[in-house]
Amino acid sequence: MQVIKKGEKVFIIATVIIAIVLLLVRLNKEKIINKNGAFVIGIVREKDWLENGYSYKCEYHYNNKRYLAEFTGIREDTLIFFKISRNYPNKWKLIEFERVPGCFKFTDVPMLGWSDLPTCDSLIRF
């Protein structure tokens, strides 16, 4: 039977504590976004190759201000849906499985975003 050394125990406990803290931070962010969120469209401004996908730097606007979002993954789209917090617009989450319909332009987003994911039928151009 192998005995776990003191240093290994400390490492395991520290790793578990860090994982729990990161999970709580993520859950709090999602709670803030879901409580009073708005949907906006982001546009990919930079795309850099990593070993297992790409790093994307996107821009989105809310209430006449510009915000940036960075994430990794593999996407073909240039326009991407985000859900943001109306109270803290720099808090965002990527809407993974909804593509921005081809009828939308980056400039079509209302100043305060949409309450629900928009469709081509809901698009109003001025």
N, C-alpha and C. Protein backbone atom coordinates (compact mmCIF):
# COMPACT_ATOMS: atom_id res chain seq x y z
N MET A 1 0.83 -1.18 0.00
CA MET A 1 0.00 0.00 0.00
C MET A 1 0.88 1.25 0.00
N GLN A 2 0.56 2.19 -0.87
CA GLN A 2 1.36 3.40 -1.00
C GLN A 2 0.79 4.50 -0.10
N VAL A 3 1.66 5.17 0.62
CA VAL A 3 1.27 6.24 1.53
C VAL A 3 1.44 7.58 0.82
N ILE A 4 0.41 8.42 0.93
CA ILE A 4 0.50 9.76 0.33
C ILE A 4 1.30 10.65 1.26
N LYS A 5 2.31 11.31 0.71
CA LYS A 5 3.17 12.19 1.50
C LYS A 5 2.47 13.50 1.79
N LYS A 6 2.97 14.21 2.78
CA LYS A 6 2.37 15.45 3.23
C LYS A 6 2.30 16.48 2.09
N GLY A 7 3.36 16.61 1.32
CA GLY A 7 3.38 17.56 0.20
C GLY A 7 2.34 17.23 -0.84
N GLU A 8 2.13 15.95 -1.10
CA GLU A 8 1.11 15.54 -2.07
C GLU A 8 -0.29 15.86 -1.55
N LYS A 9 -0.51 15.66 -0.25
CA LYS A 9 -1.81 15.99 0.35
C LYS A 9 -2.11 17.48 0.21
N VAL A 10 -1.11 18.30 0.51
CA VAL A 10 -1.28 19.75 0.42
C VAL A 10 -1.61 20.14 -1.03
N PHE A 11 -0.90 19.56 -1.98
CA PHE A 11 -1.14 19.84 -3.39
C PHE A 11 -2.56 19.45 -3.80
N ILE A 12 -3.01 18.28 -3.39
CA ILE A 12 -4.35 17.82 -3.73
C ILE A 12 -5.41 18.72 -3.11
N ILE A 13 -5.24 19.07 -1.84
CA ILE A 13 -6.21 19.95 -1.16
C ILE A 13 -6.24 21.32 -1.82
N ALA A 14 -5.06 21.88 -2.14
CA ALA A 14 -5.00 23.19 -2.79
C ALA A 14 -5.68 23.15 -4.15
N THR A 15 -5.47 22.09 -4.90
CA THR A 15 -6.09 21.95 -6.22
C THR A 15 -7.61 21.89 -6.10
N VAL A 16 -8.11 21.15 -5.13
CA VAL A 16 -9.56 21.05 -4.92
C VAL A 16 -10.13 22.41 -4.53
N ILE A 17 -9.47 23.13 -3.66
CA ILE A 17 -9.95 24.45 -3.22
C ILE A 17 -9.98 25.42 -4.41
N ILE A 18 -8.93 25.42 -5.23
CA ILE A 18 -8.90 26.30 -6.40
C ILE A 18 -10.02 25.94 -7.37
N ALA A 19 -10.25 24.66 -7.59
CA ALA A 19 -11.33 24.22 -8.49
C ALA A 19 -12.69 24.68 -7.97
N ILE A 20 -12.91 24.58 -6.68
CA ILE A 20 -14.19 25.01 -6.08
C ILE A 20 -14.36 26.52 -6.23
N VAL A 21 -13.31 27.29 -5.98
CA VAL A 21 -13.38 28.75 -6.11
C VAL A 21 -13.68 29.14 -7.56
N LEU A 22 -13.01 28.52 -8.52
CA LEU A 22 -13.26 28.82 -9.93
C LEU A 22 -14.69 28.47 -10.33
N LEU A 23 -15.20 27.37 -9.83
CA LEU A 23 -16.58 26.98 -10.11
C LEU A 23 -17.56 28.00 -9.53
N LEU A 24 -17.32 28.45 -8.30
CA LEU A 24 -18.21 29.44 -7.68
C LEU A 24 -18.18 30.77 -8.43
N VAL A 25 -17.00 31.18 -8.89
CA VAL A 25 -16.88 32.42 -9.67
C VAL A 25 -17.69 32.30 -10.96
N ARG A 26 -17.56 31.17 -11.64
CA ARG A 26 -18.30 30.95 -12.89
C ARG A 26 -19.80 30.94 -12.65
N LEU A 27 -20.25 30.25 -11.61
CA LEU A 27 -21.68 30.20 -11.30
C LEU A 27 -22.23 31.58 -10.96
N ASN A 28 -21.45 32.39 -10.24
CA ASN A 28 -21.87 33.74 -9.90
C ASN A 28 -21.99 34.60 -11.17
N LYS A 29 -21.02 34.46 -12.07
CA LYS A 29 -21.07 35.21 -13.33
C LYS A 29 -22.31 34.83 -14.13
N GLU A 30 -22.60 33.54 -14.22
CA GLU A 30 -23.79 33.09 -14.96
C GLU A 30 -25.07 33.60 -14.31
N LYS A 31 -25.10 33.63 -12.98
CA LYS A 31 -26.28 34.13 -12.26
C LYS A 31 -26.50 35.61 -12.58
N ILE A 32 -25.42 36.38 -12.58
CA ILE A 32 -25.51 37.82 -12.88
C ILE A 32 -26.02 38.03 -14.31
N ILE A 33 -25.49 37.25 -15.26
CA ILE A 33 -25.89 37.40 -16.66
C ILE A 33 -27.35 36.98 -16.85
N ASN A 34 -27.74 35.86 -16.25
CA ASN A 34 -29.10 35.36 -16.44
C ASN A 34 -30.16 36.21 -15.74
N LYS A 35 -29.76 36.91 -14.68
CA LYS A 35 -30.71 37.70 -13.91
C LYS A 35 -31.28 38.86 -14.74
N ASN A 36 -30.44 39.54 -15.48
CA ASN A 36 -30.87 40.71 -16.24
C ASN A 36 -30.03 40.80 -17.50
N GLY A 37 -30.13 39.79 -18.35
CA GLY A 37 -29.26 39.71 -19.51
C GLY A 37 -29.86 40.27 -20.78
N ALA A 38 -28.97 40.51 -21.73
CA ALA A 38 -29.35 40.96 -23.07
C ALA A 38 -28.50 40.21 -24.08
N PHE A 39 -29.08 39.94 -25.22
CA PHE A 39 -28.33 39.30 -26.30
C PHE A 39 -27.77 40.37 -27.22
N VAL A 40 -26.52 40.19 -27.60
CA VAL A 40 -25.86 41.09 -28.54
C VAL A 40 -25.10 40.24 -29.56
N ILE A 41 -24.67 40.87 -30.62
CA ILE A 41 -23.85 40.20 -31.63
C ILE A 41 -22.43 40.73 -31.50
N GLY A 42 -21.49 39.80 -31.45
CA GLY A 42 -20.08 40.17 -31.45
C GLY A 42 -19.49 39.85 -32.81
N ILE A 43 -18.41 40.53 -33.13
CA ILE A 43 -17.72 40.29 -34.39
C ILE A 43 -16.27 39.90 -34.09
N VAL A 44 -15.79 38.88 -34.76
CA VAL A 44 -14.41 38.43 -34.57
C VAL A 44 -13.48 39.45 -35.20
N ARG A 45 -12.57 39.99 -34.40
CA ARG A 45 -11.59 40.97 -34.89
C ARG A 45 -10.21 40.34 -35.09
N GLU A 46 -9.90 39.32 -34.27
CA GLU A 46 -8.61 38.61 -34.40
C GLU A 46 -8.84 37.13 -34.17
N LYS A 47 -8.05 36.34 -34.88
CA LYS A 47 -8.13 34.88 -34.75
C LYS A 47 -6.70 34.35 -34.82
N ASP A 48 -6.25 33.74 -33.74
CA ASP A 48 -4.88 33.21 -33.67
C ASP A 48 -4.92 31.71 -33.46
N TRP A 49 -4.07 30.99 -34.17
CA TRP A 49 -4.00 29.54 -34.07
C TRP A 49 -3.30 29.12 -32.78
N LEU A 50 -3.91 28.19 -32.04
CA LEU A 50 -3.31 27.54 -30.89
C LEU A 50 -3.11 26.07 -31.25
N GLU A 51 -2.53 25.29 -30.37
CA GLU A 51 -2.32 23.87 -30.66
C GLU A 51 -3.62 23.10 -30.87
N ASN A 52 -4.66 23.45 -30.13
CA ASN A 52 -5.89 22.66 -30.19
C ASN A 52 -7.11 23.48 -30.61
N GLY A 53 -6.91 24.54 -31.34
CA GLY A 53 -8.02 25.37 -31.79
C GLY A 53 -7.55 26.78 -32.04
N TYR A 54 -8.44 27.72 -31.88
CA TYR A 54 -8.12 29.12 -32.12
C TYR A 54 -8.42 29.96 -30.89
N SER A 55 -7.75 31.07 -30.80
CA SER A 55 -8.05 32.10 -29.82
C SER A 55 -8.74 33.23 -30.57
N TYR A 56 -9.92 33.62 -30.11
CA TYR A 56 -10.69 34.66 -30.79
C TYR A 56 -10.74 35.90 -29.92
N LYS A 57 -10.60 37.05 -30.56
CA LYS A 57 -10.81 38.33 -29.90
C LYS A 57 -11.97 38.99 -30.63
N CYS A 58 -13.03 39.23 -29.87
CA CYS A 58 -14.26 39.76 -30.45
C CYS A 58 -14.60 41.12 -29.84
N GLU A 59 -15.41 41.84 -30.58
CA GLU A 59 -15.89 43.15 -30.14
C GLU A 59 -17.42 43.09 -30.15
N TYR A 60 -18.03 43.69 -29.14
CA TYR A 60 -19.48 43.88 -29.15
C TYR A 60 -19.78 45.23 -28.54
N HIS A 61 -20.97 45.76 -28.85
CA HIS A 61 -21.37 47.07 -28.35
C HIS A 61 -22.62 46.93 -27.51
N TYR A 62 -22.67 47.74 -26.47
CA TYR A 62 -23.87 47.81 -25.63
C TYR A 62 -23.97 49.22 -25.08
N ASN A 63 -25.12 49.84 -25.25
CA ASN A 63 -25.37 51.19 -24.74
C ASN A 63 -24.30 52.18 -25.21
N ASN A 64 -23.98 52.11 -26.49
CA ASN A 64 -23.01 52.99 -27.14
C ASN A 64 -21.58 52.86 -26.61
N LYS A 65 -21.25 51.74 -26.00
CA LYS A 65 -19.88 51.49 -25.55
C LYS A 65 -19.37 50.21 -26.20
N ARG A 66 -18.07 50.15 -26.40
CA ARG A 66 -17.42 49.01 -27.04
C ARG A 66 -16.84 48.11 -25.95
N TYR A 67 -17.05 46.81 -26.09
CA TYR A 67 -16.51 45.83 -25.15
C TYR A 67 -15.78 44.75 -25.93
N LEU A 68 -14.85 44.09 -25.26
CA LEU A 68 -14.07 43.03 -25.88
C LEU A 68 -14.30 41.71 -25.15
N ALA A 69 -14.28 40.64 -25.91
CA ALA A 69 -14.41 39.29 -25.34
C ALA A 69 -13.36 38.41 -26.00
N GLU A 70 -12.74 37.56 -25.20
CA GLU A 70 -11.77 36.60 -25.72
C GLU A 70 -12.18 35.21 -25.31
N PHE A 71 -12.07 34.26 -26.25
CA PHE A 71 -12.37 32.87 -25.94
C PHE A 71 -11.60 31.98 -26.90
N THR A 72 -11.58 30.70 -26.60
CA THR A 72 -10.91 29.73 -27.46
C THR A 72 -11.92 28.72 -27.98
N GLY A 73 -11.59 28.09 -29.07
CA GLY A 73 -12.45 27.07 -29.65
C GLY A 73 -12.21 26.95 -31.13
N ILE A 74 -13.18 26.38 -31.80
CA ILE A 74 -13.13 26.27 -33.26
C ILE A 74 -14.47 26.73 -33.79
N ARG A 75 -14.47 27.83 -34.52
CA ARG A 75 -15.70 28.41 -35.08
C ARG A 75 -15.41 28.88 -36.50
N GLU A 76 -16.42 28.83 -37.33
CA GLU A 76 -16.27 29.32 -38.70
C GLU A 76 -16.90 30.70 -38.86
N ASP A 77 -17.76 31.07 -37.94
CA ASP A 77 -18.53 32.30 -38.08
C ASP A 77 -17.72 33.54 -37.73
N THR A 78 -18.07 34.64 -38.36
CA THR A 78 -17.48 35.93 -38.04
C THR A 78 -18.34 36.66 -37.02
N LEU A 79 -19.66 36.47 -37.10
CA LEU A 79 -20.60 37.07 -36.15
C LEU A 79 -21.04 36.02 -35.14
N ILE A 80 -21.08 36.41 -33.87
CA ILE A 80 -21.34 35.46 -32.79
C ILE A 80 -22.31 36.10 -31.79
N PHE A 81 -23.26 35.29 -31.30
CA PHE A 81 -24.16 35.76 -30.24
C PHE A 81 -23.47 35.66 -28.89
N PHE A 82 -23.65 36.71 -28.09
CA PHE A 82 -23.24 36.72 -26.69
C PHE A 82 -24.45 37.09 -25.86
N LYS A 83 -24.50 36.59 -24.64
CA LYS A 83 -25.47 37.08 -23.66
C LYS A 83 -24.65 37.83 -22.63
N ILE A 84 -25.05 39.06 -22.36
CA ILE A 84 -24.30 39.90 -21.43
C ILE A 84 -25.20 40.35 -20.30
N SER A 85 -24.59 40.83 -19.24
CA SER A 85 -25.34 41.41 -18.13
C SER A 85 -25.63 42.87 -18.47
N ARG A 86 -26.89 43.28 -18.32
CA ARG A 86 -27.22 44.69 -18.56
C ARG A 86 -26.56 45.59 -17.51
N ASN A 87 -26.40 45.08 -16.29
CA ASN A 87 -25.79 45.87 -15.22
C ASN A 87 -24.27 45.91 -15.31
N TYR A 88 -23.68 44.85 -15.80
CA TYR A 88 -22.23 44.73 -15.93
C TYR A 88 -21.92 44.23 -17.35
N PRO A 89 -22.01 45.09 -18.36
CA PRO A 89 -21.91 44.64 -19.75
C PRO A 89 -20.58 43.98 -20.12
N ASN A 90 -19.58 44.12 -19.27
CA ASN A 90 -18.31 43.43 -19.55
C ASN A 90 -18.36 41.96 -19.14
N LYS A 91 -19.43 41.54 -18.49
CA LYS A 91 -19.63 40.12 -18.16
C LYS A 91 -20.47 39.50 -19.27
N TRP A 92 -19.94 38.50 -19.90
CA TRP A 92 -20.56 37.90 -21.07
C TRP A 92 -20.43 36.39 -21.04
N LYS A 93 -21.29 35.75 -21.80
CA LYS A 93 -21.12 34.32 -22.07
C LYS A 93 -21.45 34.08 -23.53
N LEU A 94 -20.69 33.22 -24.11
CA LEU A 94 -20.83 32.86 -25.51
C LEU A 94 -22.06 31.96 -25.67
N ILE A 95 -22.89 32.25 -26.66
CA ILE A 95 -24.02 31.38 -26.96
C ILE A 95 -23.51 30.36 -27.98
N GLU A 96 -23.18 29.18 -27.48
CA GLU A 96 -22.45 28.18 -28.25
C GLU A 96 -23.18 27.63 -29.45
N PHE A 97 -24.43 27.26 -29.31
CA PHE A 97 -25.07 26.44 -30.33
C PHE A 97 -26.11 27.20 -31.15
N GLU A 98 -26.05 28.51 -31.14
CA GLU A 98 -26.94 29.33 -31.96
C GLU A 98 -26.08 30.16 -32.91
N ARG A 99 -26.30 29.99 -34.18
CA ARG A 99 -25.57 30.77 -35.18
C ARG A 99 -26.33 32.05 -35.47
N VAL A 100 -25.58 33.11 -35.75
CA VAL A 100 -26.21 34.37 -36.15
C VAL A 100 -26.73 34.19 -37.57
N PRO A 101 -28.04 34.40 -37.78
CA PRO A 101 -28.59 34.22 -39.13
C PRO A 101 -27.93 35.16 -40.14
N GLY A 102 -27.90 34.74 -41.38
CA GLY A 102 -27.25 35.51 -42.44
C GLY A 102 -27.90 36.86 -42.72
N CYS A 103 -29.12 37.06 -42.24
CA CYS A 103 -29.81 38.34 -42.47
C CYS A 103 -29.29 39.45 -41.56
N PHE A 104 -28.48 39.12 -40.56
CA PHE A 104 -27.99 40.11 -39.61
C PHE A 104 -26.64 40.68 -40.01
N LYS A 105 -26.46 41.95 -39.67
CA LYS A 105 -25.16 42.61 -39.78
C LYS A 105 -24.72 42.97 -38.36
N PHE A 106 -23.46 43.21 -38.18
CA PHE A 106 -22.94 43.59 -36.86
C PHE A 106 -23.63 44.86 -36.36
N THR A 107 -23.99 45.74 -37.26
CA THR A 107 -24.60 47.03 -36.89
C THR A 107 -26.09 46.94 -36.60
N ASP A 108 -26.70 45.76 -36.73
CA ASP A 108 -28.14 45.62 -36.51
C ASP A 108 -28.55 45.53 -35.04
N VAL A 109 -27.60 45.43 -34.15
CA VAL A 109 -27.93 45.24 -32.73
C VAL A 109 -28.51 46.53 -32.15
N PRO A 110 -29.68 46.47 -31.51
CA PRO A 110 -30.21 47.66 -30.84
C PRO A 110 -29.24 48.13 -29.75
N MET A 111 -29.33 49.39 -29.40
CA MET A 111 -28.40 49.97 -28.42
C MET A 111 -28.37 49.18 -27.11
N LEU A 112 -29.51 48.63 -26.68
CA LEU A 112 -29.58 47.87 -25.43
C LEU A 112 -29.76 46.37 -25.66
N GLY A 113 -29.40 45.90 -26.85
CA GLY A 113 -29.47 44.48 -27.15
C GLY A 113 -30.90 43.98 -27.26
N TRP A 114 -31.05 42.66 -27.26
CA TRP A 114 -32.37 42.02 -27.33
C TRP A 114 -32.62 41.25 -26.04
N SER A 115 -33.87 41.16 -25.63
CA SER A 115 -34.23 40.36 -24.45
C SER A 115 -34.22 38.87 -24.77
N ASP A 116 -34.56 38.52 -26.02
CA ASP A 116 -34.56 37.14 -26.48
C ASP A 116 -33.66 37.05 -27.71
N LEU A 117 -33.22 35.85 -28.01
CA LEU A 117 -32.42 35.67 -29.22
C LEU A 117 -33.25 36.12 -30.42
N PRO A 118 -32.71 36.99 -31.24
CA PRO A 118 -33.48 37.50 -32.38
C PRO A 118 -33.50 36.50 -33.54
N THR A 119 -34.49 36.68 -34.38
CA THR A 119 -34.60 35.90 -35.62
C THR A 119 -34.69 36.90 -36.78
N CYS A 120 -34.59 36.41 -37.98
CA CYS A 120 -34.71 37.29 -39.15
C CYS A 120 -36.07 37.97 -39.15
N ASP A 121 -37.12 37.29 -38.69
CA ASP A 121 -38.47 37.88 -38.65
C ASP A 121 -38.56 39.05 -37.67
N SER A 122 -37.73 39.03 -36.63
CA SER A 122 -37.78 40.09 -35.62
C SER A 122 -36.87 41.27 -35.96
N LEU A 123 -36.11 41.16 -37.03
CA LEU A 123 -35.15 42.20 -37.41
C LEU A 123 -35.88 43.41 -38.00
N ILE A 124 -35.61 44.57 -37.43
CA ILE A 124 -36.18 45.81 -37.93
C ILE A 124 -35.01 46.73 -38.28
N ARG A 125 -34.94 47.12 -39.52
CA ARG A 125 -33.88 48.05 -39.96
C ARG A 125 -34.50 49.42 -40.17
N PHE A 126 -33.79 50.44 -39.75
CA PHE A 126 -34.28 51.82 -39.89
C PHE A 126 -33.64 52.49 -41.07
